[in-house]
Amino acid sequence: MRMLLVDDSVTMRRIQKTQIGSLGITDILEAGDGQEALGKLKSNMPIDIVLLDWNMPIMDGITFLKTVRADPTYAGVKIIMCTSESEKTRVMEALKAGANNYIVKPFTPEGLKEKLGL
Protein backbone atom coordinates (compact mmCIF):
# COMPACT_ATOMS: atom_id res chain seq x y z
CA MET A 1 0.00 0.00 0.00
CA ARG A 2 1.38 3.40 -1.04
CA MET A 3 0.31 6.53 0.82
CA LEU A 4 0.76 10.23 0.11
CA LEU A 5 0.87 12.33 3.28
CA VAL A 6 0.01 16.00 2.63
CA ASP A 7 0.50 18.54 5.42
CA ASP A 8 2.37 21.85 5.58
CA SER A 9 3.78 21.04 9.03
CA VAL A 10 6.97 18.98 8.88
CA THR A 11 6.48 18.05 12.54
CA MET A 12 2.92 16.86 11.93
CA ARG A 13 4.06 14.80 8.93
CA ARG A 14 6.77 13.19 11.07
CA ILE A 15 4.24 12.30 13.81
CA GLN A 16 1.74 10.96 11.29
CA LYS A 17 4.41 8.99 9.44
CA THR A 18 5.38 7.28 12.70
CA GLN A 19 1.75 6.46 13.48
CA ILE A 20 1.14 5.17 9.95
CA GLY A 21 4.31 3.10 10.13
CA SER A 22 3.02 1.43 13.30
CA LEU A 23 0.16 0.10 11.14
CA GLY A 24 2.66 -1.56 8.81
CA ILE A 25 2.42 1.04 6.03
CA THR A 26 5.96 2.00 5.06
CA ASP A 27 5.66 3.21 1.45
CA ILE A 28 4.87 6.83 2.34
CA LEU A 29 5.44 9.88 0.15
CA GLU A 30 5.20 13.41 1.57
CA ALA A 31 4.13 16.82 0.30
CA GLY A 32 3.94 20.20 2.05
CA ASP A 33 0.98 21.64 0.11
CA GLY A 34 -1.65 20.68 -2.44
CA GLN A 35 0.34 21.84 -5.46
CA GLU A 36 3.35 19.73 -4.47
CA ALA A 37 0.98 16.84 -3.74
CA LEU A 38 -0.50 17.02 -7.25
CA GLY A 39 2.98 16.66 -8.71
CA LYS A 40 3.77 13.71 -6.44
CA LEU A 41 0.43 12.08 -7.28
CA LYS A 42 1.00 12.42 -11.03
CA SER A 43 4.56 11.09 -10.96
CA ASN A 44 4.14 8.30 -8.40
CA MET A 45 0.98 6.44 -9.34
CA PRO A 46 -0.32 4.11 -8.22
CA ILE A 47 -1.03 5.79 -4.89
CA ASP A 48 -3.68 4.05 -2.84
CA ILE A 49 -4.42 6.60 -0.13
CA VAL A 50 -3.92 10.34 0.36
CA LEU A 51 -4.00 11.64 3.93
CA LEU A 52 -4.81 15.32 3.38
CA ASP A 53 -4.64 18.40 5.60
CA TRP A 54 -7.11 21.22 4.92
CA ASN A 55 -5.20 24.40 5.79
CA MET A 56 -2.02 24.77 3.75
CA PRO A 57 -0.34 27.52 1.73
CA ILE A 58 -0.19 27.64 -2.09
CA MET A 59 -3.01 25.09 -2.56
CA ASP A 60 -5.23 24.07 0.35
CA GLY A 61 -6.60 20.59 0.90
CA ILE A 62 -10.14 21.20 -0.33
CA THR A 63 -8.82 22.64 -3.63
CA PHE A 64 -6.53 19.63 -4.03
CA LEU A 65 -9.44 17.30 -3.29
CA LYS A 66 -11.71 18.94 -5.88
CA THR A 67 -8.90 18.97 -8.47
CA VAL A 68 -8.14 15.28 -8.01
CA ARG A 69 -11.79 14.26 -8.02
CA ALA A 70 -12.32 16.14 -11.31
CA ASP A 71 -9.75 13.84 -13.00
CA PRO A 72 -10.97 10.27 -13.64
CA THR A 73 -7.34 9.08 -13.67
CA TYR A 74 -7.44 9.22 -9.87
CA ALA A 75 -10.91 7.72 -9.30
CA GLY A 76 -9.42 4.78 -7.39
CA VAL A 77 -7.36 6.90 -4.99
CA LYS A 78 -8.84 6.98 -1.49
CA ILE A 79 -8.62 10.45 0.08
CA ILE A 80 -8.97 10.98 3.80
CA MET A 81 -9.09 14.53 5.12
CA CYS A 82 -6.91 14.70 8.23
CA THR A 83 -7.30 18.12 9.74
CA SER A 84 -8.04 20.15 12.84
CA GLU A 85 -11.16 21.48 11.07
CA SER A 86 -13.91 19.76 13.05
CA GLU A 87 -16.97 21.91 12.26
CA LYS A 88 -19.79 19.83 10.82
CA THR A 89 -20.10 22.14 7.78
CA ARG A 90 -16.42 21.56 6.94
CA VAL A 91 -16.79 17.79 7.28
CA MET A 92 -19.83 17.85 4.99
CA GLU A 93 -18.05 20.09 2.46
CA ALA A 94 -15.12 17.66 2.25
CA LEU A 95 -17.35 14.60 1.92
CA LYS A 96 -19.46 16.29 -0.79
CA ALA A 97 -16.25 17.22 -2.63
CA GLY A 98 -15.25 13.55 -2.74
CA ALA A 99 -13.33 12.73 0.43
CA ASN A 100 -13.72 9.07 1.33
CA ASN A 101 -13.43 9.80 5.03
CA TYR A 102 -12.53 12.47 7.56
CA ILE A 103 -10.39 12.30 10.69
CA VAL A 104 -9.71 15.12 13.15
CA LYS A 105 -6.16 15.77 14.38
CA PRO A 106 -4.70 14.64 16.64
CA PHE A 107 -5.61 11.06 15.88
CA THR A 108 -4.48 7.71 17.23
CA PRO A 109 -3.11 4.85 15.13
CA GLU A 110 -6.26 2.90 16.05
CA GLY A 111 -8.51 5.72 14.82
CA LEU A 112 -6.59 5.92 11.56
CA LYS A 113 -6.68 2.15 11.15
CA GLU A 114 -10.47 2.29 11.48
CA LYS A 115 -10.77 5.10 8.91
CA LEU A 116 -8.52 3.22 6.51
CA GLY A 117 -10.61 0.08 6.89
CA LEU A 118 -7.60 -2.05 7.86
C-alpha atoms as a PDB file:
ATOM      1  CA  MET A   1       0.000   0.000   0.000  1.00  0.00           C
ATOM      2  CA  ARG A   2       1.377   3.397  -1.038  1.00  0.00           C
ATOM      3  CA  MET A   3       0.307   6.531   0.816  1.00  0.00           C
ATOM      4  CA  LEU A   4       0.755  10.234   0.110  1.00  0.00           C
ATOM      5  CA  LEU A   5       0.870  12.333   3.282  1.00  0.00           C
ATOM      6  CA  VAL A   6       0.010  15.998   2.626  1.00  0.00           C
ATOM      7  CA  ASP A   7       0.505  18.535   5.423  1.00  0.00           C
ATOM      8  CA  ASP A   8       2.369  21.845   5.579  1.00  0.00           C
ATOM      9  CA  SER A   9       3.780  21.040   9.027  1.00  0.00           C
ATOM     10  CA  VAL A  10       6.975  18.982   8.878  1.00  0.00           C
ATOM     11  CA  THR A  11       6.485  18.054  12.544  1.00  0.00           C
ATOM     12  CA  MET A  12       2.918  16.859  11.926  1.00  0.00           C
ATOM     13  CA  ARG A  13       4.064  14.805   8.929  1.00  0.00           C
ATOM     14  CA  ARG A  14       6.767  13.190  11.073  1.00  0.00           C
ATOM     15  CA  ILE A  15       4.239  12.301  13.808  1.00  0.00           C
ATOM     16  CA  GLN A  16       1.735  10.961  11.288  1.00  0.00           C
ATOM     17  CA  LYS A  17       4.409   8.989   9.438  1.00  0.00           C
ATOM     18  CA  THR A  18       5.379   7.277  12.703  1.00  0.00           C
ATOM     19  CA  GLN A  19       1.745   6.459  13.482  1.00  0.00           C
ATOM     20  CA  ILE A  20       1.140   5.169   9.953  1.00  0.00           C
ATOM     21  CA  GLY A  21       4.315   3.101  10.126  1.00  0.00           C
ATOM     22  CA  SER A  22       3.022   1.430  13.295  1.00  0.00           C
ATOM     23  CA  LEU A  23       0.161   0.098  11.138  1.00  0.00           C
ATOM     24  CA  GLY A  24       2.657  -1.563   8.807  1.00  0.00           C
ATOM     25  CA  ILE A  25       2.420   1.037   6.030  1.00  0.00           C
ATOM     26  CA  THR A  26       5.959   2.001   5.062  1.00  0.00           C
ATOM     27  CA  ASP A  27       5.656   3.212   1.447  1.00  0.00           C
ATOM     28  CA  ILE A  28       4.866   6.834   2.340  1.00  0.00           C
ATOM     29  CA  LEU A  29       5.440   9.882   0.153  1.00  0.00           C
ATOM     30  CA  GLU A  30       5.199  13.407   1.573  1.00  0.00           C
ATOM     31  CA  ALA A  31       4.129  16.819   0.302  1.00  0.00           C
ATOM     32  CA  GLY A  32       3.940  20.198   2.047  1.00  0.00           C
ATOM     33  CA  ASP A  33       0.983  21.643   0.114  1.00  0.00           C
ATOM     34  CA  GLY A  34      -1.651  20.680  -2.442  1.00  0.00           C
ATOM     35  CA  GLN A  35       0.339  21.835  -5.455  1.00  0.00           C
ATOM     36  CA  GLU A  36       3.352  19.734  -4.472  1.00  0.00           C
ATOM     37  CA  ALA A  37       0.977  16.841  -3.737  1.00  0.00           C
ATOM     38  CA  LEU A  38      -0.504  17.018  -7.245  1.00  0.00           C
ATOM     39  CA  GLY A  39       2.976  16.658  -8.710  1.00  0.00           C
ATOM     40  CA  LYS A  40       3.766  13.706  -6.436  1.00  0.00           C
ATOM     41  CA  LEU A  41       0.432  12.077  -7.279  1.00  0.00           C
ATOM     42  CA  LYS A  42       0.996  12.423 -11.032  1.00  0.00           C
ATOM     43  CA  SER A  43       4.561  11.091 -10.956  1.00  0.00           C
ATOM     44  CA  ASN A  44       4.141   8.299  -8.395  1.00  0.00           C
ATOM     45  CA  MET A  45       0.979   6.441  -9.345  1.00  0.00           C
ATOM     46  CA  PRO A  46      -0.317   4.107  -8.225  1.00  0.00           C
ATOM     47  CA  ILE A  47      -1.027   5.790  -4.894  1.00  0.00           C
ATOM     48  CA  ASP A  48      -3.675   4.048  -2.839  1.00  0.00           C
ATOM     49  CA  ILE A  49      -4.423   6.603  -0.131  1.00  0.00           C
ATOM     50  CA  VAL A  50      -3.924  10.335   0.355  1.00  0.00           C
ATOM     51  CA  LEU A  51      -3.997  11.642   3.926  1.00  0.00           C
ATOM     52  CA  LEU A  52      -4.812  15.322   3.381  1.00  0.00           C
ATOM     53  CA  ASP A  53      -4.642  18.397   5.604  1.00  0.00           C
ATOM     54  CA  TRP A  54      -7.113  21.217   4.924  1.00  0.00           C
ATOM     55  CA  ASN A  55      -5.200  24.397   5.794  1.00  0.00           C
ATOM     56  CA  MET A  56      -2.016  24.766   3.746  1.00  0.00           C
ATOM     57  CA  PRO A  57      -0.336  27.523   1.732  1.00  0.00           C
ATOM     58  CA  ILE A  58      -0.187  27.636  -2.092  1.00  0.00           C
ATOM     59  CA  MET A  59      -3.010  25.090  -2.562  1.00  0.00           C
ATOM     60  CA  ASP A  60      -5.227  24.072   0.347  1.00  0.00           C
ATOM     61  CA  GLY A  61      -6.601  20.593   0.900  1.00  0.00           C
ATOM     62  CA  ILE A  62     -10.137  21.199  -0.330  1.00  0.00           C
ATOM     63  CA  THR A  63      -8.821  22.643  -3.627  1.00  0.00           C
ATOM     64  CA  PHE A  64      -6.526  19.630  -4.028  1.00  0.00           C
ATOM     65  CA  LEU A  65      -9.444  17.301  -3.288  1.00  0.00           C
ATOM     66  CA  LYS A  66     -11.706  18.944  -5.882  1.00  0.00           C
ATOM     67  CA  THR A  67      -8.900  18.972  -8.475  1.00  0.00           C
ATOM     68  CA  VAL A  68      -8.136  15.283  -8.007  1.00  0.00           C
ATOM     69  CA  ARG A  69     -11.795  14.257  -8.015  1.00  0.00           C
ATOM     70  CA  ALA A  70     -12.315  16.137 -11.312  1.00  0.00           C
ATOM     71  CA  ASP A  71      -9.751  13.842 -12.999  1.00  0.00           C
ATOM     72  CA  PRO A  72     -10.973  10.270 -13.643  1.00  0.00           C
ATOM     73  CA  THR A  73      -7.342   9.082 -13.669  1.00  0.00           C
ATOM     74  CA  TYR A  74      -7.441   9.217  -9.874  1.00  0.00           C
ATOM     75  CA  ALA A  75     -10.905   7.722  -9.303  1.00  0.00           C
ATOM     76  CA  GLY A  76      -9.419   4.778  -7.387  1.00  0.00           C
ATOM     77  CA  VAL A  77      -7.359   6.904  -4.994  1.00  0.00           C
ATOM     78  CA  LYS A  78      -8.840   6.981  -1.489  1.00  0.00           C
ATOM     79  CA  ILE A  79      -8.623  10.454   0.081  1.00  0.00           C
ATOM     80  CA  ILE A  80      -8.972  10.981   3.804  1.00  0.00           C
ATOM     81  CA  MET A  81      -9.092  14.532   5.122  1.00  0.00           C
ATOM     82  CA  CYS A  82      -6.910  14.703   8.226  1.00  0.00           C
ATOM     83  CA  THR A  83      -7.296  18.124   9.744  1.00  0.00           C
ATOM     84  CA  SER A  84      -8.043  20.154  12.844  1.00  0.00           C
ATOM     85  CA  GLU A  85     -11.163  21.483  11.070  1.00  0.00           C
ATOM     86  CA  SER A  86     -13.909  19.755  13.048  1.00  0.00           C
ATOM     87  CA  GLU A  87     -16.970  21.909  12.256  1.00  0.00           C
ATOM     88  CA  LYS A  88     -19.791  19.827  10.816  1.00  0.00           C
ATOM     89  CA  THR A  89     -20.097  22.142   7.781  1.00  0.00           C
ATOM     90  CA  ARG A  90     -16.423  21.560   6.940  1.00  0.00           C
ATOM     91  CA  VAL A  91     -16.787  17.787   7.278  1.00  0.00           C
ATOM     92  CA  MET A  92     -19.830  17.852   4.989  1.00  0.00           C
ATOM     93  CA  GLU A  93     -18.052  20.086   2.460  1.00  0.00           C
ATOM     94  CA  ALA A  94     -15.123  17.661   2.250  1.00  0.00           C
ATOM     95  CA  LEU A  95     -17.354  14.601   1.921  1.00  0.00           C
ATOM     96  CA  LYS A  96     -19.455  16.286  -0.787  1.00  0.00           C
ATOM     97  CA  ALA A  97     -16.246  17.216  -2.627  1.00  0.00           C
ATOM     98  CA  GLY A  98     -15.250  13.549  -2.737  1.00  0.00           C
ATOM     99  CA  ALA A  99     -13.329  12.729   0.433  1.00  0.00           C
ATOM    100  CA  ASN A 100     -13.717   9.069   1.331  1.00  0.00           C
ATOM    101  CA  ASN A 101     -13.427   9.800   5.029  1.00  0.00           C
ATOM    102  CA  TYR A 102     -12.534  12.468   7.564  1.00  0.00           C
ATOM    103  CA  ILE A 103     -10.385  12.298  10.691  1.00  0.00           C
ATOM    104  CA  VAL A 104      -9.705  15.116  13.152  1.00  0.00           C
ATOM    105  CA  LYS A 105      -6.159  15.772  14.383  1.00  0.00           C
ATOM    106  CA  PRO A 106      -4.704  14.645  16.642  1.00  0.00           C
ATOM    107  CA  PHE A 107      -5.610  11.056  15.884  1.00  0.00           C
ATOM    108  CA  THR A 108      -4.478   7.707  17.231  1.00  0.00           C
ATOM    109  CA  PRO A 109      -3.111   4.851  15.127  1.00  0.00           C
ATOM    110  CA  GLU A 110      -6.264   2.899  16.047  1.00  0.00           C
ATOM    111  CA  GLY A 111      -8.506   5.725  14.819  1.00  0.00           C
ATOM    112  CA  LEU A 112      -6.591   5.924  11.559  1.00  0.00           C
ATOM    113  CA  LYS A 113      -6.682   2.146  11.148  1.00  0.00           C
ATOM    114  CA  GLU A 114     -10.473   2.288  11.479  1.00  0.00           C
ATOM    115  CA  LYS A 115     -10.773   5.102   8.911  1.00  0.00           C
ATOM    116  CA  LEU A 116      -8.517   3.219   6.507  1.00  0.00           C
ATOM    117  CA  GLY A 117     -10.609   0.079   6.888  1.00  0.00           C
ATOM    118  CA  LEU A 118      -7.597  -2.053   7.864  1.00  0.00           C
END
